[in-house]
Amino acid sequence: MSEYEIRPRYKFSNVRKVADLNKSLRQAIENEPDKWPLQFKRTHGHLIFSYKKPIKHLWSPEMDLNFEEQAEGEGTIIRVVIGPAAAVWTFFMFLYSVSAIMLFGGFILSYSQFTLGKDMWGFWLIPASVFFAITVFLAGYWGKKRARRQMISLKKFFDNALPGSVLMEGNLNV
């Protein structure tokens, strides 16, 4: 995982079929619940792994697996995304959108006030929106730092549960 990646993505190939891979993942959690305190849910062809309540916090990452069965005898392609929970990711995108709207609104309002010869108080929305965006970025960076160990643990769980998976895309530098 690169230091700058928020949601590292990987693509692996494995010679086994999807059913065997699902079984291996379930068995890894059931056989070693203390080592892998994870839960999983299946939604729309994805298998999403997250931490259980006692150790789960706001910044806890999730691992999203998507399996694509290849032609007969060619195995399975596994796409992996490790990142913040969907609700956290969506909330941050919302905050960035608010910041962008404030920035554009500040430009439009201050330009309108300038052309009308009025006091340009709308100009102050511009630095406020930049400050807000930087604050959101730093909060996300802090959260990523907090989740780093759990992200590495999810990647180790994947490696342990599905040995023989060959990396096709992605950066494994930790």
C-alpha atoms as a PDB file:
ATOM      1  CA  MET A   1       0.000   0.000   0.000  1.00  0.00           C
ATOM      2  CA  SER A   2       1.433   3.284  -1.038  1.00  0.00           C
ATOM      3  CA  GLU A   3       1.620   6.050   1.534  1.00  0.00           C
ATOM      4  CA  TYR A   4      -0.602   8.233  -0.648  1.00  0.00           C
ATOM      5  CA  GLU A   5      -3.282   5.733  -1.603  1.00  0.00           C
ATOM      6  CA  ILE A   6      -6.540   6.083   0.262  1.00  0.00           C
ATOM      7  CA  ARG A   7      -8.201   3.099  -1.379  1.00  0.00           C
ATOM      8  CA  PRO A   8      -5.541   0.688  -2.659  1.00  0.00           C
ATOM      9  CA  ARG A   9      -6.722  -1.537  -5.498  1.00  0.00           C
ATOM     10  CA  TYR A  10      -5.354  -4.901  -6.507  1.00  0.00           C
ATOM     11  CA  LYS A  11      -6.072  -7.445  -9.190  1.00  0.00           C
ATOM     12  CA  PHE A  12      -5.101 -11.071  -8.607  1.00  0.00           C
ATOM     13  CA  SER A  13      -5.537 -14.300 -10.500  1.00  0.00           C
ATOM     14  CA  ASN A  14      -6.079 -17.664  -8.857  1.00  0.00           C
ATOM     15  CA  VAL A  15      -6.413 -21.086 -10.465  1.00  0.00           C
ATOM     16  CA  ARG A  16      -9.333 -22.111  -8.225  1.00  0.00           C
ATOM     17  CA  LYS A  17     -13.020 -21.557  -8.882  1.00  0.00           C
ATOM     18  CA  VAL A  18     -15.145 -18.891  -7.172  1.00  0.00           C
ATOM     19  CA  ALA A  19     -16.946 -21.396  -4.918  1.00  0.00           C
ATOM     20  CA  ASP A  20     -13.609 -22.736  -3.624  1.00  0.00           C
ATOM     21  CA  LEU A  21     -12.320 -19.227  -2.981  1.00  0.00           C
ATOM     22  CA  ASN A  22     -15.484 -18.272  -1.061  1.00  0.00           C
ATOM     23  CA  LYS A  23     -15.167 -21.433   1.000  1.00  0.00           C
ATOM     24  CA  SER A  24     -11.510 -20.689   1.831  1.00  0.00           C
ATOM     25  CA  LEU A  25     -12.366 -17.169   2.949  1.00  0.00           C
ATOM     26  CA  ARG A  26     -15.219 -18.360   5.183  1.00  0.00           C
ATOM     27  CA  GLN A  27     -13.053 -21.111   6.681  1.00  0.00           C
ATOM     28  CA  ALA A  28     -10.228 -18.686   7.439  1.00  0.00           C
ATOM     29  CA  ILE A  29     -12.596 -16.550   9.512  1.00  0.00           C
ATOM     30  CA  GLU A  30     -14.282 -19.514  11.219  1.00  0.00           C
ATOM     31  CA  ASN A  31     -11.069 -21.424  11.989  1.00  0.00           C
ATOM     32  CA  GLU A  32      -9.165 -18.466  13.461  1.00  0.00           C
ATOM     33  CA  PRO A  33     -11.711 -15.970  14.861  1.00  0.00           C
ATOM     34  CA  ASP A  34      -9.155 -14.492  17.283  1.00  0.00           C
ATOM     35  CA  LYS A  35      -6.591 -13.882  14.556  1.00  0.00           C
ATOM     36  CA  TRP A  36      -9.150 -12.547  12.049  1.00  0.00           C
ATOM     37  CA  PRO A  37     -11.954 -10.710  13.940  1.00  0.00           C
ATOM     38  CA  LEU A  38     -13.831 -10.094  10.711  1.00  0.00           C
ATOM     39  CA  GLN A  39     -17.364 -10.360   9.451  1.00  0.00           C
ATOM     40  CA  PHE A  40     -18.469 -10.496   5.851  1.00  0.00           C
ATOM     41  CA  LYS A  41     -21.520  -9.785   3.792  1.00  0.00           C
ATOM     42  CA  ARG A  42     -22.360 -10.595   0.218  1.00  0.00           C
ATOM     43  CA  THR A  43     -23.929  -7.839  -1.893  1.00  0.00           C
ATOM     44  CA  HIS A  44     -24.427  -7.644  -5.649  1.00  0.00           C
ATOM     45  CA  GLY A  45     -21.654 -10.092  -6.483  1.00  0.00           C
ATOM     46  CA  HIS A  46     -19.225  -8.536  -4.013  1.00  0.00           C
ATOM     47  CA  LEU A  47     -17.882 -10.001  -0.803  1.00  0.00           C
ATOM     48  CA  ILE A  48     -17.237  -7.237   1.751  1.00  0.00           C
ATOM     49  CA  PHE A  49     -15.109  -7.916   4.827  1.00  0.00           C
ATOM     50  CA  SER A  50     -15.183  -5.562   7.807  1.00  0.00           C
ATOM     51  CA  TYR A  51     -14.131  -5.673  11.432  1.00  0.00           C
ATOM     52  CA  LYS A  52     -16.451  -6.819  14.190  1.00  0.00           C
ATOM     53  CA  LYS A  53     -17.827  -4.357  16.752  1.00  0.00           C
ATOM     54  CA  PRO A  54     -15.311  -4.513  19.616  1.00  0.00           C
ATOM     55  CA  ILE A  55     -12.398  -3.318  17.500  1.00  0.00           C
ATOM     56  CA  LYS A  56     -14.308  -1.503  14.769  1.00  0.00           C
ATOM     57  CA  HIS A  57     -14.109   2.286  14.852  1.00  0.00           C
ATOM     58  CA  LEU A  58     -15.205   5.068  12.508  1.00  0.00           C
ATOM     59  CA  TRP A  59     -12.050   4.798  10.403  1.00  0.00           C
ATOM     60  CA  SER A  60     -11.948   0.986  10.216  1.00  0.00           C
ATOM     61  CA  PRO A  61     -11.429  -0.103   6.611  1.00  0.00           C
ATOM     62  CA  GLU A  62     -13.386  -2.634   4.605  1.00  0.00           C
ATOM     63  CA  MET A  63     -12.105  -5.033   1.993  1.00  0.00           C
ATOM     64  CA  ASP A  64     -14.287  -5.453  -1.091  1.00  0.00           C
ATOM     65  CA  LEU A  65     -13.668  -8.572  -3.188  1.00  0.00           C
ATOM     66  CA  ASN A  66     -15.123  -9.109  -6.632  1.00  0.00           C
ATOM     67  CA  PHE A  67     -14.669 -12.474  -8.344  1.00  0.00           C
ATOM     68  CA  GLU A  68     -14.722 -12.937 -12.128  1.00  0.00           C
ATOM     69  CA  GLU A  69     -14.680 -16.542 -13.235  1.00  0.00           C
ATOM     70  CA  GLN A  70     -12.659 -16.972 -16.414  1.00  0.00           C
ATOM     71  CA  ALA A  71     -13.082 -19.493 -19.195  1.00  0.00           C
ATOM     72  CA  GLU A  72     -12.853 -23.172 -18.301  1.00  0.00           C
ATOM     73  CA  GLY A  73      -9.491 -24.024 -16.768  1.00  0.00           C
ATOM     74  CA  GLU A  74      -8.237 -20.440 -16.546  1.00  0.00           C
ATOM     75  CA  GLY A  75      -9.253 -19.813 -12.934  1.00  0.00           C
ATOM     76  CA  THR A  76     -10.632 -16.653 -11.390  1.00  0.00           C
ATOM     77  CA  ILE A  77      -9.774 -12.955 -11.463  1.00  0.00           C
ATOM     78  CA  ILE A  78     -10.055 -11.340  -8.021  1.00  0.00           C
ATOM     79  CA  ARG A  79     -10.412  -7.569  -7.727  1.00  0.00           C
ATOM     80  CA  VAL A  80      -9.648  -6.185  -4.273  1.00  0.00           C
ATOM     81  CA  VAL A  81     -10.323  -2.695  -2.893  1.00  0.00           C
ATOM     82  CA  ILE A  82      -9.358  -1.849   0.679  1.00  0.00           C
ATOM     83  CA  GLY A  83     -10.677   1.448   1.937  1.00  0.00           C
ATOM     84  CA  PRO A  84     -12.960   3.287   4.304  1.00  0.00           C
ATOM     85  CA  ALA A  85     -16.524   2.140   4.819  1.00  0.00           C
ATOM     86  CA  ALA A  86     -18.928   3.368   2.161  1.00  0.00           C
ATOM     87  CA  ALA A  87     -20.662   5.755   4.591  1.00  0.00           C
ATOM     88  CA  VAL A  88     -17.362   7.417   5.566  1.00  0.00           C
ATOM     89  CA  TRP A  89     -16.232   7.647   1.928  1.00  0.00           C
ATOM     90  CA  THR A  90     -19.553   9.185   0.885  1.00  0.00           C
ATOM     91  CA  PHE A  91     -19.486  11.672   3.775  1.00  0.00           C
ATOM     92  CA  PHE A  92     -16.025  12.901   2.796  1.00  0.00           C
ATOM     93  CA  MET A  93     -17.060  13.285  -0.839  1.00  0.00           C
ATOM     94  CA  PHE A  94     -20.053  15.297   0.393  1.00  0.00           C
ATOM     95  CA  LEU A  95     -17.763  17.563   2.435  1.00  0.00           C
ATOM     96  CA  TYR A  96     -15.479  18.110  -0.561  1.00  0.00           C
ATOM     97  CA  SER A  97     -18.546  18.975  -2.645  1.00  0.00           C
ATOM     98  CA  VAL A  98     -19.670  21.505  -0.034  1.00  0.00           C
ATOM     99  CA  SER A  99     -16.208  23.051  -0.154  1.00  0.00           C
ATOM    100  CA  ALA A 100     -16.304  23.282  -3.970  1.00  0.00           C
ATOM    101  CA  ILE A 101     -19.772  24.858  -3.896  1.00  0.00           C
ATOM    102  CA  MET A 102     -18.570  27.378  -1.312  1.00  0.00           C
ATOM    103  CA  LEU A 103     -15.557  28.203  -3.494  1.00  0.00           C
ATOM    104  CA  PHE A 104     -17.569  28.723  -6.682  1.00  0.00           C
ATOM    105  CA  GLY A 105     -20.283  30.557  -4.760  1.00  0.00           C
ATOM    106  CA  GLY A 106     -17.650  32.861  -3.277  1.00  0.00           C
ATOM    107  CA  PHE A 107     -16.245  33.612  -6.741  1.00  0.00           C
ATOM    108  CA  ILE A 108     -19.686  34.304  -8.209  1.00  0.00           C
ATOM    109  CA  LEU A 109     -20.905  36.350  -5.253  1.00  0.00           C
ATOM    110  CA  SER A 110     -17.742  38.448  -4.964  1.00  0.00           C
ATOM    111  CA  TYR A 111     -17.632  39.082  -8.726  1.00  0.00           C
ATOM    112  CA  SER A 112     -21.297  40.121  -8.668  1.00  0.00           C
ATOM    113  CA  GLN A 113     -20.638  42.451  -5.757  1.00  0.00           C
ATOM    114  CA  PHE A 114     -17.571  43.862  -7.539  1.00  0.00           C
ATOM    115  CA  THR A 115     -19.475  44.583 -10.774  1.00  0.00           C
ATOM    116  CA  LEU A 116     -22.289  46.242  -8.810  1.00  0.00           C
ATOM    117  CA  GLY A 117     -19.805  48.363  -6.876  1.00  0.00           C
ATOM    118  CA  LYS A 118     -20.903  46.878  -3.548  1.00  0.00           C
ATOM    119  CA  ASP A 119     -18.819  45.804  -0.573  1.00  0.00           C
ATOM    120  CA  MET A 120     -17.183  42.449  -1.555  1.00  0.00           C
ATOM    121  CA  TRP A 121     -17.916  40.428   1.581  1.00  0.00           C
ATOM    122  CA  GLY A 122     -18.540  37.336  -0.628  1.00  0.00           C
ATOM    123  CA  PHE A 123     -14.805  37.206  -1.253  1.00  0.00           C
ATOM    124  CA  TRP A 124     -14.347  35.762   2.245  1.00  0.00           C
ATOM    125  CA  LEU A 125     -16.097  32.559   1.170  1.00  0.00           C
ATOM    126  CA  ILE A 126     -13.081  31.742  -1.017  1.00  0.00           C
ATOM    127  CA  PRO A 127     -10.414  31.391   1.727  1.00  0.00           C
ATOM    128  CA  ALA A 128     -13.031  29.862   4.042  1.00  0.00           C
ATOM    129  CA  SER A 129     -13.759  27.136   1.475  1.00  0.00           C
ATOM    130  CA  VAL A 130     -10.042  26.480   0.937  1.00  0.00           C
ATOM    131  CA  PHE A 131      -9.519  26.249   4.704  1.00  0.00           C
ATOM    132  CA  PHE A 132     -12.506  23.905   4.949  1.00  0.00           C
ATOM    133  CA  ALA A 133     -11.146  21.663   2.158  1.00  0.00           C
ATOM    134  CA  ILE A 134      -7.720  21.517   3.822  1.00  0.00           C
ATOM    135  CA  THR A 135      -9.366  20.631   7.142  1.00  0.00           C
ATOM    136  CA  VAL A 136     -11.343  17.819   5.490  1.00  0.00           C
ATOM    137  CA  PHE A 137      -8.163  16.558   3.788  1.00  0.00           C
ATOM    138  CA  LEU A 138      -6.218  16.540   7.055  1.00  0.00           C
ATOM    139  CA  ALA A 139      -9.065  14.761   8.850  1.00  0.00           C
ATOM    140  CA  GLY A 140      -9.060  12.107   6.132  1.00  0.00           C
ATOM    141  CA  TYR A 141      -5.282  11.778   6.334  1.00  0.00           C
ATOM    142  CA  TRP A 142      -5.489  11.365  10.114  1.00  0.00           C
ATOM    143  CA  GLY A 143      -8.189   8.725   9.683  1.00  0.00           C
ATOM    144  CA  LYS A 144      -6.088   6.893   7.132  1.00  0.00           C
ATOM    145  CA  LYS A 145      -3.170   6.836   9.567  1.00  0.00           C
ATOM    146  CA  ARG A 146      -5.495   5.435  12.200  1.00  0.00           C
ATOM    147  CA  ALA A 147      -6.720   2.704   9.849  1.00  0.00           C
ATOM    148  CA  ARG A 148      -3.321   1.720   8.418  1.00  0.00           C
ATOM    149  CA  ARG A 149      -2.723  -1.278  10.717  1.00  0.00           C
ATOM    150  CA  GLN A 150      -6.179  -2.635   9.997  1.00  0.00           C
ATOM    151  CA  MET A 151      -5.658  -2.158   6.247  1.00  0.00           C
ATOM    152  CA  ILE A 152      -2.449  -4.173   6.435  1.00  0.00           C
ATOM    153  CA  SER A 153      -4.241  -6.806   8.517  1.00  0.00           C
ATOM    154  CA  LEU A 154      -6.990  -7.125   5.873  1.00  0.00           C
ATOM    155  CA  LYS A 155      -4.351  -7.607   3.166  1.00  0.00           C
ATOM    156  CA  LYS A 156      -2.616 -10.269   5.298  1.00  0.00           C
ATOM    157  CA  PHE A 157      -5.971 -12.001   5.799  1.00  0.00           C
ATOM    158  CA  PHE A 158      -6.434 -12.120   2.020  1.00  0.00           C
ATOM    159  CA  ASP A 159      -2.923 -13.528   1.520  1.00  0.00           C
ATOM    160  CA  ASN A 160      -3.465 -16.131   4.240  1.00  0.00           C
ATOM    161  CA  ALA A 161      -6.945 -17.194   3.110  1.00  0.00           C
ATOM    162  CA  LEU A 162      -6.186 -17.363  -0.623  1.00  0.00           C
ATOM    163  CA  PRO A 163      -2.626 -18.604  -1.079  1.00  0.00           C
ATOM    164  CA  GLY A 164      -1.478 -18.944  -4.649  1.00  0.00           C
ATOM    165  CA  SER A 165      -3.101 -15.705  -5.780  1.00  0.00           C
ATOM    166  CA  VAL A 166      -0.839 -14.008  -8.323  1.00  0.00           C
ATOM    167  CA  LEU A 167      -0.713 -10.201  -8.423  1.00  0.00           C
ATOM    168  CA  MET A 168      -1.678  -8.803 -11.826  1.00  0.00           C
ATOM    169  CA  GLU A 169      -2.179  -5.100 -10.962  1.00  0.00           C
ATOM    170  CA  GLY A 170      -1.532  -2.962  -7.911  1.00  0.00           C
ATOM    171  CA  ASN A 171       1.323  -1.970  -5.653  1.00  0.00           C
ATOM    172  CA  LEU A 172       2.112  -4.202  -2.685  1.00  0.00           C
ATOM    173  CA  ASN A 173       4.618  -1.832  -1.066  1.00  0.00           C
ATOM    174  CA  VAL A 174       3.616  -1.495   2.559  1.00  0.00           C
END
